[in-house]
PDB file of all heavy atoms in Angstrom:
ATOM      1  N   ALA A   1      18.343 -18.004   7.590  1.00  0.00           N
ATOM      2  CA  ALA A   1      19.799 -18.028   7.432  1.00  0.00           C
ATOM      3  C   ALA A   1      20.474 -18.716   8.607  1.00  0.00           C
ATOM      4  O   ALA A   1      21.461 -19.436   8.442  1.00  0.00           O
ATOM      5  CB  ALA A   1      20.326 -16.603   7.255  1.00  0.00           C
ATOM      6  N   GLN A   2      19.926 -18.519   9.813  1.00  0.00           N
ATOM      7  CA  GLN A   2      20.498 -19.161  10.987  1.00  0.00           C
ATOM      8  C   GLN A   2      20.274 -20.674  10.984  1.00  0.00           C
ATOM      9  O   GLN A   2      21.027 -21.417  11.629  1.00  0.00           O
ATOM     10  CB  GLN A   2      19.917 -18.538  12.258  1.00  0.00           C
ATOM     11  CG  GLN A   2      20.397 -17.107  12.507  1.00  0.00           C
ATOM     12  CD  GLN A   2      19.826 -16.519  13.776  1.00  0.00           C
ATOM     13  OE1 GLN A   2      18.714 -16.833  14.190  1.00  0.00           O
ATOM     14  NE2 GLN A   2      20.590 -15.650  14.417  1.00  0.00           N
ATOM     15  N   ARG A   3      19.259 -21.125  10.262  1.00  0.00           N
ATOM     16  CA  ARG A   3      19.031 -22.570  10.126  1.00  0.00           C
ATOM     17  C   ARG A   3      19.968 -23.188   9.088  1.00  0.00           C
ATOM     18  O   ARG A   3      19.886 -24.380   8.811  1.00  0.00           O
ATOM     19  CB  ARG A   3      17.580 -22.843   9.735  1.00  0.00           C
ATOM     20  CG  ARG A   3      16.556 -22.584  10.831  1.00  0.00           C
ATOM     21  CD  ARG A   3      15.194 -23.171  10.469  1.00  0.00           C
ATOM     22  NE  ARG A   3      14.618 -22.565   9.283  1.00  0.00           N
ATOM     23  CZ  ARG A   3      13.771 -21.535   9.306  1.00  0.00           C
ATOM     24  NH1 ARG A   3      13.426 -20.970  10.471  1.00  0.00           N
ATOM     25  NH2 ARG A   3      13.274 -21.054   8.174  1.00  0.00           N
ATOM     26  N   GLY A   4      20.823 -22.390   8.498  1.00  0.00           N
ATOM     27  CA  GLY A   4      21.707 -22.881   7.453  1.00  0.00           C
ATOM     28  C   GLY A   4      21.231 -22.542   6.059  1.00  0.00           C
ATOM     29  O   GLY A   4      21.839 -22.972   5.069  1.00  0.00           O
ATOM     30  N   GLY A   5      20.153 -21.754   5.960  1.00  0.00           N
ATOM     31  CA  GLY A   5      19.623 -21.350   4.667  1.00  0.00           C
ATOM     32  C   GLY A   5      20.107 -19.965   4.268  1.00  0.00           C
ATOM     33  O   GLY A   5      21.159 -19.487   4.696  1.00  0.00           O
ATOM     34  N   VAL A   6      19.327 -19.313   3.444  1.00  0.00           N
ATOM     35  CA  VAL A   6      19.650 -17.968   2.972  1.00  0.00           C
ATOM     36  C   VAL A   6      18.351 -17.186   2.857  1.00  0.00           C
ATOM     37  O   VAL A   6      17.287 -17.754   2.578  1.00  0.00           O
ATOM     38  CB  VAL A   6      20.401 -18.027   1.618  1.00  0.00           C
ATOM     39  CG1 VAL A   6      19.546 -18.697   0.549  1.00  0.00           C
ATOM     40  CG2 VAL A   6      20.836 -16.647   1.143  1.00  0.00           C
ATOM     41  N   GLY A   7      18.419 -15.884   3.128  1.00  0.00           N
ATOM     42  CA  GLY A   7      17.246 -15.024   3.057  1.00  0.00           C
ATOM     43  C   GLY A   7      17.436 -13.909   2.044  1.00  0.00           C
ATOM     44  O   GLY A   7      18.559 -13.459   1.805  1.00  0.00           O
ATOM     45  N   LEU A   8      16.331 -13.457   1.455  1.00  0.00           N
ATOM     46  CA  LEU A   8      16.389 -12.413   0.438  1.00  0.00           C
ATOM     47  C   LEU A   8      15.185 -11.492   0.564  1.00  0.00           C
ATOM     48  O   LEU A   8      14.045 -11.949   0.611  1.00  0.00           O
ATOM     49  CB  LEU A   8      16.401 -13.025  -0.961  1.00  0.00           C
ATOM     50  CG  LEU A   8      16.231 -12.042  -2.138  1.00  0.00           C
ATOM     51  CD1 LEU A   8      17.453 -11.143  -2.278  1.00  0.00           C
ATOM     52  CD2 LEU A   8      15.962 -12.795  -3.442  1.00  0.00           C
ATOM     53  N   VAL A   9      15.438 -10.194   0.607  1.00  0.00           N
ATOM     54  CA  VAL A   9      14.399  -9.180   0.476  1.00  0.00           C
ATOM     55  C   VAL A   9      14.721  -8.363  -0.766  1.00  0.00           C
ATOM     56  O   VAL A   9      15.790  -7.751  -0.847  1.00  0.00           O
ATOM     57  CB  VAL A   9      14.313  -8.271   1.712  1.00  0.00           C
ATOM     58  CG1 VAL A   9      13.324  -7.126   1.454  1.00  0.00           C
ATOM     59  CG2 VAL A   9      13.877  -9.069   2.939  1.00  0.00           C
ATOM     60  N   SER A  10      13.803  -8.367  -1.710  1.00  0.00           N
ATOM     61  CA  SER A  10      13.956  -7.610  -2.945  1.00  0.00           C
ATOM     62  C   SER A  10      13.003  -6.418  -2.871  1.00  0.00           C
ATOM     63  O   SER A  10      11.789  -6.598  -2.849  1.00  0.00           O
ATOM     64  CB  SER A  10      13.641  -8.498  -4.158  1.00  0.00           C
ATOM     65  OG  SER A  10      13.834  -7.801  -5.360  1.00  0.00           O
ATOM     66  N   TYR A  11      13.558  -5.218  -2.844  1.00  0.00           N
ATOM     67  CA  TYR A  11      12.789  -4.002  -2.574  1.00  0.00           C
ATOM     68  C   TYR A  11      12.707  -3.158  -3.843  1.00  0.00           C
ATOM     69  O   TYR A  11      13.699  -2.602  -4.311  1.00  0.00           O
ATOM     70  CB  TYR A  11      13.470  -3.221  -1.445  1.00  0.00           C
ATOM     71  CG  TYR A  11      12.646  -2.099  -0.850  1.00  0.00           C
ATOM     72  CD1 TYR A  11      11.857  -2.321   0.274  1.00  0.00           C
ATOM     73  CD2 TYR A  11      12.671  -0.824  -1.385  1.00  0.00           C
ATOM     74  CE1 TYR A  11      11.122  -1.291   0.849  1.00  0.00           C
ATOM     75  CE2 TYR A  11      11.937   0.207  -0.834  1.00  0.00           C
ATOM     76  CZ  TYR A  11      11.164  -0.028   0.291  1.00  0.00           C
ATOM     77  OH  TYR A  11      10.429   1.001   0.853  1.00  0.00           O
ATOM     78  N   PHE A  12      11.503  -3.040  -4.396  1.00  0.00           N
ATOM     79  CA  PHE A  12      11.268  -2.316  -5.644  1.00  0.00           C
ATOM     80  C   PHE A  12      10.713  -0.921  -5.369  1.00  0.00           C
ATOM     81  O   PHE A  12       9.850  -0.743  -4.508  1.00  0.00           O
ATOM     82  CB  PHE A  12      10.270  -3.069  -6.535  1.00  0.00           C
ATOM     83  CG  PHE A  12      10.830  -4.288  -7.199  1.00  0.00           C
ATOM     84  CD1 PHE A  12      10.926  -5.488  -6.515  1.00  0.00           C
ATOM     85  CD2 PHE A  12      11.268  -4.247  -8.513  1.00  0.00           C
ATOM     86  CE1 PHE A  12      11.447  -6.618  -7.124  1.00  0.00           C
ATOM     87  CE2 PHE A  12      11.786  -5.367  -9.125  1.00  0.00           C
ATOM     88  CZ  PHE A  12      11.878  -6.556  -8.433  1.00  0.00           C
ATOM     89  N   ARG A  13      11.201   0.064  -6.149  1.00  0.00           N
ATOM     90  CA  ARG A  13      10.677   1.427  -6.034  1.00  0.00           C
ATOM     91  C   ARG A  13       9.413   1.560  -6.876  1.00  0.00           C
ATOM     92  O   ARG A  13       9.433   2.006  -8.018  1.00  0.00           O
ATOM     93  CB  ARG A  13      11.734   2.447  -6.474  1.00  0.00           C
ATOM     94  CG  ARG A  13      12.988   2.518  -5.684  1.00  0.00           C
ATOM     95  CD  ARG A  13      12.834   2.308  -4.198  1.00  0.00           C
ATOM     96  NE  ARG A  13      13.989   2.625  -3.417  1.00  0.00           N
ATOM     97  CZ  ARG A  13      14.987   1.775  -3.162  1.00  0.00           C
ATOM     98  NH1 ARG A  13      14.987   0.551  -3.686  1.00  0.00           N
ATOM     99  NH2 ARG A  13      15.993   2.150  -2.400  1.00  0.00           N
ATOM    100  N   LYS A  14       8.308   1.153  -6.306  1.00  0.00           N
ATOM    101  CA  LYS A  14       7.005   1.227  -6.970  1.00  0.00           C
ATOM    102  C   LYS A  14       6.009   1.863  -6.005  1.00  0.00           C
ATOM    103  O   LYS A  14       4.996   1.276  -5.640  1.00  0.00           O
ATOM    104  CB  LYS A  14       6.508  -0.160  -7.390  1.00  0.00           C
ATOM    105  CG  LYS A  14       7.365  -0.884  -8.410  1.00  0.00           C
ATOM    106  CD  LYS A  14       6.779  -2.253  -8.701  1.00  0.00           C
ATOM    107  CE  LYS A  14       7.605  -3.035  -9.694  1.00  0.00           C
ATOM    108  NZ  LYS A  14       7.034  -4.416  -9.899  1.00  0.00           N
ATOM    109  N   GLU A  15       6.320   3.067  -5.571  1.00  0.00           N
ATOM    110  CA  GLU A  15       5.533   3.736  -4.549  1.00  0.00           C
ATOM    111  C   GLU A  15       4.041   3.798  -4.901  1.00  0.00           C
ATOM    112  O   GLU A  15       3.665   4.134  -6.024  1.00  0.00           O
ATOM    113  CB  GLU A  15       6.062   5.158  -4.339  1.00  0.00           C
ATOM    114  CG  GLU A  15       5.247   6.019  -3.377  1.00  0.00           C
ATOM    115  CD  GLU A  15       5.240   5.445  -1.956  1.00  0.00           C
ATOM    116  OE1 GLU A  15       6.337   5.307  -1.377  1.00  0.00           O
ATOM    117  OE2 GLU A  15       4.145   5.152  -1.442  1.00  0.00           O
ATOM    118  N   GLY A  16       3.206   3.457  -3.904  1.00  0.00           N
ATOM    119  CA  GLY A  16       1.759   3.567  -4.072  1.00  0.00           C
ATOM    120  C   GLY A  16       1.212   2.695  -5.175  1.00  0.00           C
ATOM    121  O   GLY A  16       0.381   3.155  -5.960  1.00  0.00           O
ATOM    122  N   ARG A  17       1.664   1.422  -5.212  1.00  0.00           N
ATOM    123  CA  ARG A  17       1.243   0.507  -6.298  1.00  0.00           C
ATOM    124  C   ARG A  17       1.661   1.030  -7.662  1.00  0.00           C
ATOM    125  O   ARG A  17       0.961   0.870  -8.663  1.00  0.00           O
ATOM    126  CB  ARG A  17      -0.264   0.261  -6.265  1.00  0.00           C
ATOM    127  CG  ARG A  17      -0.768  -0.395  -5.006  1.00  0.00           C
ATOM    128  CD  ARG A  17      -2.249  -0.670  -5.120  1.00  0.00           C
ATOM    129  NE  ARG A  17      -2.780  -1.116  -3.829  1.00  0.00           N
ATOM    130  CZ  ARG A  17      -4.054  -1.202  -3.537  1.00  0.00           C
ATOM    131  NH1 ARG A  17      -4.959  -0.869  -4.452  1.00  0.00           N
ATOM    132  NH2 ARG A  17      -4.440  -1.602  -2.349  1.00  0.00           N
ATOM    133  N   ALA A  18       2.799   1.716  -7.712  1.00  0.00           N
ATOM    134  CA  ALA A  18       3.333   2.354  -8.908  1.00  0.00           C
ATOM    135  C   ALA A  18       2.423   3.478  -9.411  1.00  0.00           C
ATOM    136  O   ALA A  18       2.553   3.914 -10.560  1.00  0.00           O
ATOM    137  CB  ALA A  18       3.607   1.335 -10.021  1.00  0.00           C
ATOM    138  N   LEU A  19       1.527   3.954  -8.559  1.00  0.00           N
ATOM    139  CA  LEU A  19       0.658   5.084  -8.890  1.00  0.00           C
ATOM    140  C   LEU A  19       1.250   6.399  -8.390  1.00  0.00           C
ATOM    141  O   LEU A  19       0.823   7.472  -8.808  1.00  0.00           O
ATOM    142  CB  LEU A  19      -0.740   4.896  -8.278  1.00  0.00           C
ATOM    143  CG  LEU A  19      -1.502   3.638  -8.704  1.00  0.00           C
ATOM    144  CD1 LEU A  19      -2.732   3.442  -7.827  1.00  0.00           C
ATOM    145  CD2 LEU A  19      -1.908   3.733 -10.168  1.00  0.00           C
ATOM    146  N   GLY A  20       2.209   6.318  -7.476  1.00  0.00           N
ATOM    147  CA  GLY A  20       2.826   7.502  -6.902  1.00  0.00           C
ATOM    148  C   GLY A  20       2.177   7.895  -5.583  1.00  0.00           C
ATOM    149  O   GLY A  20       1.032   7.537  -5.282  1.00  0.00           O
ATOM    150  N   GLU A  21       2.923   8.649  -4.796  1.00  0.00           N
ATOM    151  CA  GLU A  21       2.453   8.990  -3.457  1.00  0.00           C
ATOM    152  C   GLU A  21       1.361  10.036  -3.462  1.00  0.00           C
ATOM    153  O   GLU A  21       0.494  10.032  -2.581  1.00  0.00           O
ATOM    154  CB  GLU A  21       3.633   9.462  -2.596  1.00  0.00           C
ATOM    155  CG  GLU A  21       3.406   9.303  -1.122  1.00  0.00           C
ATOM    156  CD  GLU A  21       4.649   9.457  -0.283  1.00  0.00           C
ATOM    157  OE1 GLU A  21       5.544  10.244  -0.673  1.00  0.00           O
ATOM    158  OE2 GLU A  21       4.754   8.806   0.757  1.00  0.00           O
ATOM    159  N   VAL A  22       1.350  10.959  -4.423  1.00  0.00           N
ATOM    160  CA  VAL A  22       0.270  11.936  -4.497  1.00  0.00           C
ATOM    161  C   VAL A  22      -1.059  11.234  -4.729  1.00  0.00           C
ATOM    162  O   VAL A  22      -2.047  11.484  -4.023  1.00  0.00           O
ATOM    163  CB  VAL A  22       0.541  12.982  -5.608  1.00  0.00           C
ATOM    164  CG1 VAL A  22      -0.707  13.826  -5.859  1.00  0.00           C
ATOM    165  CG2 VAL A  22       1.715  13.869  -5.236  1.00  0.00           C
ATOM    166  N   THR A  23      -1.072  10.336  -5.714  1.00  0.00           N
ATOM    167  CA  THR A  23      -2.297   9.573  -5.973  1.00  0.00           C
ATOM    168  C   THR A  23      -2.701   8.766  -4.743  1.00  0.00           C
ATOM    169  O   THR A  23      -3.889   8.680  -4.393  1.00  0.00           O
ATOM    170  CB  THR A  23      -2.096   8.634  -7.174  1.00  0.00           C
ATOM    171  OG1 THR A  23      -1.874   9.422  -8.347  1.00  0.00           O
ATOM    172  CG2 THR A  23      -3.303   7.732  -7.393  1.00  0.00           C
ATOM    173  N   LYS A  24      -1.742   8.165  -4.062  1.00  0.00           N
ATOM    174  CA  LYS A  24      -2.048   7.367  -2.882  1.00  0.00           C
ATOM    175  C   LYS A  24      -2.717   8.201  -1.798  1.00  0.00           C
ATOM    176  O   LYS A  24      -3.705   7.782  -1.196  1.00  0.00           O
ATOM    177  CB  LYS A  24      -0.774   6.717  -2.334  1.00  0.00           C
ATOM    178  CG  LYS A  24      -1.020   5.814  -1.138  1.00  0.00           C
ATOM    179  CD  LYS A  24       0.174   4.933  -0.827  1.00  0.00           C
ATOM    180  CE  LYS A  24       1.310   5.699  -0.246  1.00  0.00           C
ATOM    181  NZ  LYS A  24       2.409   4.781   0.231  1.00  0.00           N
ATOM    182  N   PHE A  25      -2.206   9.402  -1.559  1.00  0.00           N
ATOM    183  CA  PHE A  25      -2.793  10.255  -0.527  1.00  0.00           C
ATOM    184  C   PHE A  25      -4.177  10.738  -0.938  1.00  0.00           C
ATOM    185  O   PHE A  25      -5.069  10.905  -0.093  1.00  0.00           O
ATOM    186  CB  PHE A  25      -1.880  11.440  -0.237  1.00  0.00           C
ATOM    187  CG  PHE A  25      -0.627  11.090   0.521  1.00  0.00           C
ATOM    188  CD1 PHE A  25      -0.289   9.774   0.778  1.00  0.00           C
ATOM    189  CD2 PHE A  25       0.228  12.087   0.960  1.00  0.00           C
ATOM    190  CE1 PHE A  25       0.879   9.451   1.473  1.00  0.00           C
ATOM    191  CE2 PHE A  25       1.380  11.783   1.658  1.00  0.00           C
ATOM    192  CZ  PHE A  25       1.707  10.454   1.905  1.00  0.00           C
ATOM    193  N   LEU A  26      -4.385  11.005  -2.227  1.00  0.00           N
ATOM    194  CA  LEU A  26      -5.719  11.364  -2.706  1.00  0.00           C
ATOM    195  C   LEU A  26      -6.709  10.232  -2.423  1.00  0.00           C
ATOM    196  O   LEU A  26      -7.855  10.478  -2.010  1.00  0.00           O
ATOM    197  CB  LEU A  26      -5.683  11.663  -4.204  1.00  0.00           C
ATOM    198  CG  LEU A  26      -4.874  12.884  -4.663  1.00  0.00           C
ATOM    199  CD1 LEU A  26      -4.850  12.953  -6.183  1.00  0.00           C
ATOM    200  CD2 LEU A  26      -5.442  14.171  -4.084  1.00  0.00           C
ATOM    201  N   VAL A  27      -6.264   9.007  -2.648  1.00  0.00           N
ATOM    202  CA  VAL A  27      -7.112   7.840  -2.373  1.00  0.00           C
ATOM    203  C   VAL A  27      -7.410   7.740  -0.882  1.00  0.00           C
ATOM    204  O   VAL A  27      -8.545   7.443  -0.483  1.00  0.00           O
ATOM    205  CB  VAL A  27      -6.447   6.553  -2.893  1.00  0.00           C
ATOM    206  CG1 VAL A  27      -7.229   5.324  -2.434  1.00  0.00           C
ATOM    207  CG2 VAL A  27      -6.357   6.571  -4.414  1.00  0.00           C
ATOM    208  N   TYR A  28      -6.413   7.980  -0.038  1.00  0.00           N
ATOM    209  CA  TYR A  28      -6.649   7.962   1.405  1.00  0.00           C
ATOM    210  C   TYR A  28      -7.769   8.928   1.774  1.00  0.00           C
ATOM    211  O   TYR A  28      -8.678   8.587   2.545  1.00  0.00           O
ATOM    212  CB  TYR A  28      -5.378   8.366   2.165  1.00  0.00           C
ATOM    213  CG  TYR A  28      -4.280   7.342   2.193  1.00  0.00           C
ATOM    214  CD1 TYR A  28      -3.001   7.690   2.645  1.00  0.00           C
ATOM    215  CD2 TYR A  28      -4.485   6.038   1.771  1.00  0.00           C
ATOM    216  CE1 TYR A  28      -1.979   6.768   2.695  1.00  0.00           C
ATOM    217  CE2 TYR A  28      -3.462   5.102   1.804  1.00  0.00           C
ATOM    218  CZ  TYR A  28      -2.205   5.473   2.263  1.00  0.00           C
ATOM    219  OH  TYR A  28      -1.186   4.563   2.305  1.00  0.00           O
ATOM    220  N   ASN A  29      -7.708  10.153   1.236  1.00  0.00           N
ATOM    221  CA  ASN A  29      -8.746  11.141   1.535  1.00  0.00           C
ATOM    222  C   ASN A  29     -10.108  10.666   1.056  1.00  0.00           C
ATOM    223  O   ASN A  29     -11.112  10.796   1.766  1.00  0.00           O
ATOM    224  CB  ASN A  29      -8.408  12.484   0.891  1.00  0.00           C
ATOM    225  CG  ASN A  29      -7.313  13.229   1.614  1.00  0.00           C
ATOM    226  OD1 ASN A  29      -6.969  12.908   2.748  1.00  0.00           O
ATOM    227  ND2 ASN A  29      -6.752  14.253   0.959  1.00  0.00           N
ATOM    228  N   ALA A  30     -10.162  10.126  -0.158  1.00  0.00           N
ATOM    229  CA  ALA A  30     -11.426   9.651  -0.711  1.00  0.00           C
ATOM    230  C   ALA A  30     -12.015   8.517   0.127  1.00  0.00           C
ATOM    231  O   ALA A  30     -13.227   8.460   0.357  1.00  0.00           O
ATOM    232  CB  ALA A  30     -11.229   9.198  -2.156  1.00  0.00           C
ATOM    233  N   ARG A  31     -11.173   7.606   0.587  1.00  0.00           N
ATOM    234  CA  ARG A  31     -11.629   6.493   1.423  1.00  0.00           C
ATOM    235  C   ARG A  31     -12.209   7.004   2.742  1.00  0.00           C
ATOM    236  O   ARG A  31     -13.243   6.526   3.210  1.00  0.00           O
ATOM    237  CB  ARG A  31     -10.488   5.531   1.708  1.00  0.00           C
ATOM    238  CG  ARG A  31     -10.119   4.633   0.550  1.00  0.00           C
ATOM    239  CD  ARG A  31      -8.816   3.868   0.824  1.00  0.00           C
ATOM    240  NE  ARG A  31      -8.849   3.172   2.124  1.00  0.00           N
ATOM    241  CZ  ARG A  31      -7.784   2.585   2.666  1.00  0.00           C
ATOM    242  NH1 ARG A  31      -6.605   2.629   2.031  1.00  0.00           N
ATOM    243  NH2 ARG A  31      -7.889   1.975   3.834  1.00  0.00           N
ATOM    244  N   LYS A  32     -11.519   7.963   3.365  1.00  0.00           N
ATOM    245  CA  LYS A  32     -11.928   8.446   4.679  1.00  0.00           C
ATOM    246  C   LYS A  32     -13.166   9.343   4.617  1.00  0.00           C
ATOM    247  O   LYS A  32     -13.908   9.433   5.600  1.00  0.00           O
ATOM    248  CB  LYS A  32     -10.775   9.216   5.336  1.00  0.00           C
ATOM    249  CG  LYS A  32      -9.483   8.412   5.522  1.00  0.00           C
ATOM    250  CD  LYS A  32      -9.613   7.306   6.520  1.00  0.00           C
ATOM    251  CE  LYS A  32      -8.275   6.625   6.804  1.00  0.00           C
ATOM    252  NZ  LYS A  32      -8.426   5.510   7.802  1.00  0.00           N
ATOM    253  N   ARG A  33     -13.373   9.998   3.489  1.00  0.00           N
ATOM    254  CA  ARG A  33     -14.477  10.961   3.371  1.00  0.00           C
ATOM    255  C   ARG A  33     -15.735  10.392   2.717  1.00  0.00           C
ATOM    256  O   ARG A  33     -16.776  11.033   2.713  1.00  0.00           O
ATOM    257  CB  ARG A  33     -14.019  12.177   2.561  1.00  0.00           C
ATOM    258  CG  ARG A  33     -13.073  13.090   3.325  1.00  0.00           C
ATOM    259  CD  ARG A  33     -12.507  14.146   2.397  1.00  0.00           C
ATOM    260  NE  ARG A  33     -11.719  15.148   3.104  1.00  0.00           N
ATOM    261  CZ  ARG A  33     -10.774  15.878   2.544  1.00  0.00           C
ATOM    262  NH1 ARG A  33     -10.497  15.704   1.239  1.00  0.00           N
ATOM    263  NH2 ARG A  33     -10.089  16.757   3.251  1.00  0.00           N
ATOM    264  N   GLN A  34     -15.675   9.202   2.147  1.00  0.00           N
ATOM    265  CA  GLN A  34     -16.833   8.662   1.454  1.00  0.00           C
ATOM    266  C   GLN A  34     -17.973   8.365   2.421  1.00  0.00           C
ATOM    267  O   GLN A  34     -17.771   8.173   3.626  1.00  0.00           O
ATOM    268  CB  GLN A  34     -16.446   7.397   0.690  1.00  0.00           C
ATOM    269  CG  GLN A  34     -16.056   6.222   1.557  1.00  0.00           C
ATOM    270  CD  GLN A  34     -15.527   5.039   0.749  1.00  0.00           C
ATOM    271  OE1 GLN A  34     -15.801   4.897  -0.425  1.00  0.00           O
ATOM    272  NE2 GLN A  34     -14.739   4.179   1.382  1.00  0.00           N
ATOM    273  N   VAL A  35     -19.194   8.332   1.887  1.00  0.00           N
ATOM    274  CA  VAL A  35     -20.366   8.006   2.693  1.00  0.00           C
ATOM    275  C   VAL A  35     -20.190   6.615   3.303  1.00  0.00           C
ATOM    276  O   VAL A  35     -19.880   5.655   2.607  1.00  0.00           O
ATOM    277  CB  VAL A  35     -21.646   8.053   1.836  1.00  0.00           C
ATOM    278  CG1 VAL A  35     -22.845   7.617   2.664  1.00  0.00           C
ATOM    279  CG2 VAL A  35     -21.858   9.458   1.266  1.00  0.00           C
ATOM    280  N   GLY A  36     -20.361   6.520   4.603  1.00  0.00           N
ATOM    281  CA  GLY A  36     -20.181   5.250   5.291  1.00  0.00           C
ATOM    282  C   GLY A  36     -18.793   5.035   5.848  1.00  0.00           C
ATOM    283  O   GLY A  36     -18.545   4.055   6.551  1.00  0.00           O
ATOM    284  N   GLY A  37     -17.863   5.957   5.504  1.00  0.00           N
ATOM    285  CA  GLY A  37     -16.510   5.856   6.023  1.00  0.00           C
ATOM    286  C   GLY A  37     -15.636   4.875   5.248  1.00  0.00           C
ATOM    287  O   GLY A  37     -16.015   4.370   4.181  1.00  0.00           O
ATOM    288  N   ASP A  38     -14.466   4.593   5.782  1.00  0.00           N
ATOM    289  CA  ASP A  38     -13.460   3.746   5.150  1.00  0.00           C
ATOM    290  C   ASP A  38     -13.769   2.282   5.423  1.00  0.00           C
ATOM    291  O   ASP A  38     -13.478   1.759   6.503  1.00  0.00           O
ATOM    292  CB  ASP A  38     -12.077   4.109   5.695  1.00  0.00           C
ATOM    293  CG  ASP A  38     -10.944   3.357   5.011  1.00  0.00           C
ATOM    294  OD1 ASP A  38     -11.170   2.742   3.947  1.00  0.00           O
ATOM    295  OD2 ASP A  38      -9.810   3.390   5.546  1.00  0.00           O
ATOM    296  N   THR A  39     -14.358   1.611   4.446  1.00  0.00           N
ATOM    297  CA  THR A  39     -14.738   0.214   4.617  1.00  0.00           C
ATOM    298  C   THR A  39     -14.041  -0.665   3.576  1.00  0.00           C
ATOM    299  O   THR A  39     -13.673  -0.208   2.490  1.00  0.00           O
ATOM    300  CB  THR A  39     -16.261   0.027   4.481  1.00  0.00           C
ATOM    301  OG1 THR A  39     -16.691   0.527   3.200  1.00  0.00           O
ATOM    302  CG2 THR A  39     -16.983   0.760   5.594  1.00  0.00           C
ATOM    303  N   ALA A  40     -13.891  -1.938   3.920  1.00  0.00           N
ATOM    304  CA  ALA A  40     -13.168  -2.873   3.061  1.00  0.00           C
ATOM    305  C   ALA A  40     -13.873  -3.113   1.734  1.00  0.00           C
ATOM    306  O   ALA A  40     -13.226  -3.387   0.720  1.00  0.00           O
ATOM    307  CB  ALA A  40     -12.955  -4.192   3.800  1.00  0.00           C
ATOM    308  N   ASP A  41     -15.216  -3.035   1.729  1.00  0.00           N
ATOM    309  CA  ASP A  41     -15.941  -3.325   0.494  1.00  0.00           C
ATOM    310  C   ASP A  41     -15.713  -2.268  -0.577  1.00  0.00           C
ATOM    311  O   ASP A  41     -15.951  -2.507  -1.764  1.00  0.00           O
ATOM    312  CB  ASP A  41     -17.440  -3.490   0.775  1.00  0.00           C
ATOM    313  CG  ASP A  41     -18.089  -2.231   1.329  1.00  0.00           C
ATOM    314  OD1 ASP A  41     -17.388  -1.429   1.983  1.00  0.00           O
ATOM    315  OD2 ASP A  41     -19.309  -2.042   1.122  1.00  0.00           O
ATOM    316  N   GLN A  42     -15.210  -1.081  -0.208  1.00  0.00           N
ATOM    317  CA  GLN A  42     -14.930  -0.020  -1.174  1.00  0.00           C
ATOM    318  C   GLN A  42     -13.432   0.227  -1.360  1.00  0.00           C
ATOM    319  O   GLN A  42     -13.041   1.165  -2.044  1.00  0.00           O
ATOM    320  CB  GLN A  42     -15.611   1.284  -0.724  1.00  0.00           C
ATOM    321  CG  GLN A  42     -17.126   1.222  -0.719  1.00  0.00           C
ATOM    322  CD  GLN A  42     -17.686   0.962  -2.112  1.00  0.00           C
ATOM    323  OE1 GLN A  42     -17.260   1.564  -3.091  1.00  0.00           O
ATOM    324  NE2 GLN A  42     -18.639   0.049  -2.206  1.00  0.00           N
ATOM    325  N   TYR A  43     -12.606  -0.622  -0.754  1.00  0.00           N
ATOM    326  CA  TYR A  43     -11.161  -0.394  -0.720  1.00  0.00           C
ATOM    327  C   TYR A  43     -10.562  -0.248  -2.130  1.00  0.00           C
ATOM    328  O   TYR A  43      -9.886   0.724  -2.450  1.00  0.00           O
ATOM    329  CB  TYR A  43     -10.488  -1.543   0.036  1.00  0.00           C
ATOM    330  CG  TYR A  43      -8.980  -1.496   0.060  1.00  0.00           C
ATOM    331  CD1 TYR A  43      -8.303  -0.670   0.940  1.00  0.00           C
ATOM    332  CD2 TYR A  43      -8.233  -2.291  -0.813  1.00  0.00           C
ATOM    333  CE1 TYR A  43      -6.914  -0.639   0.961  1.00  0.00           C
ATOM    334  CE2 TYR A  43      -6.846  -2.270  -0.799  1.00  0.00           C
ATOM    335  CZ  TYR A  43      -6.198  -1.444   0.083  1.00  0.00           C
ATOM    336  OH  TYR A  43      -4.824  -1.411   0.087  1.00  0.00           O
TER     337      TYR A  43
END
């Protein structure tokens, strides 16, 4: 915007990939507790 343009942030209410925060926290626990720990190959 300072360069003479315009900026836009569009913020959607789609918490946790639209799965919801409860599901997201369950996934966090599963990732952290799985054999081998939280790794990218199982993300």
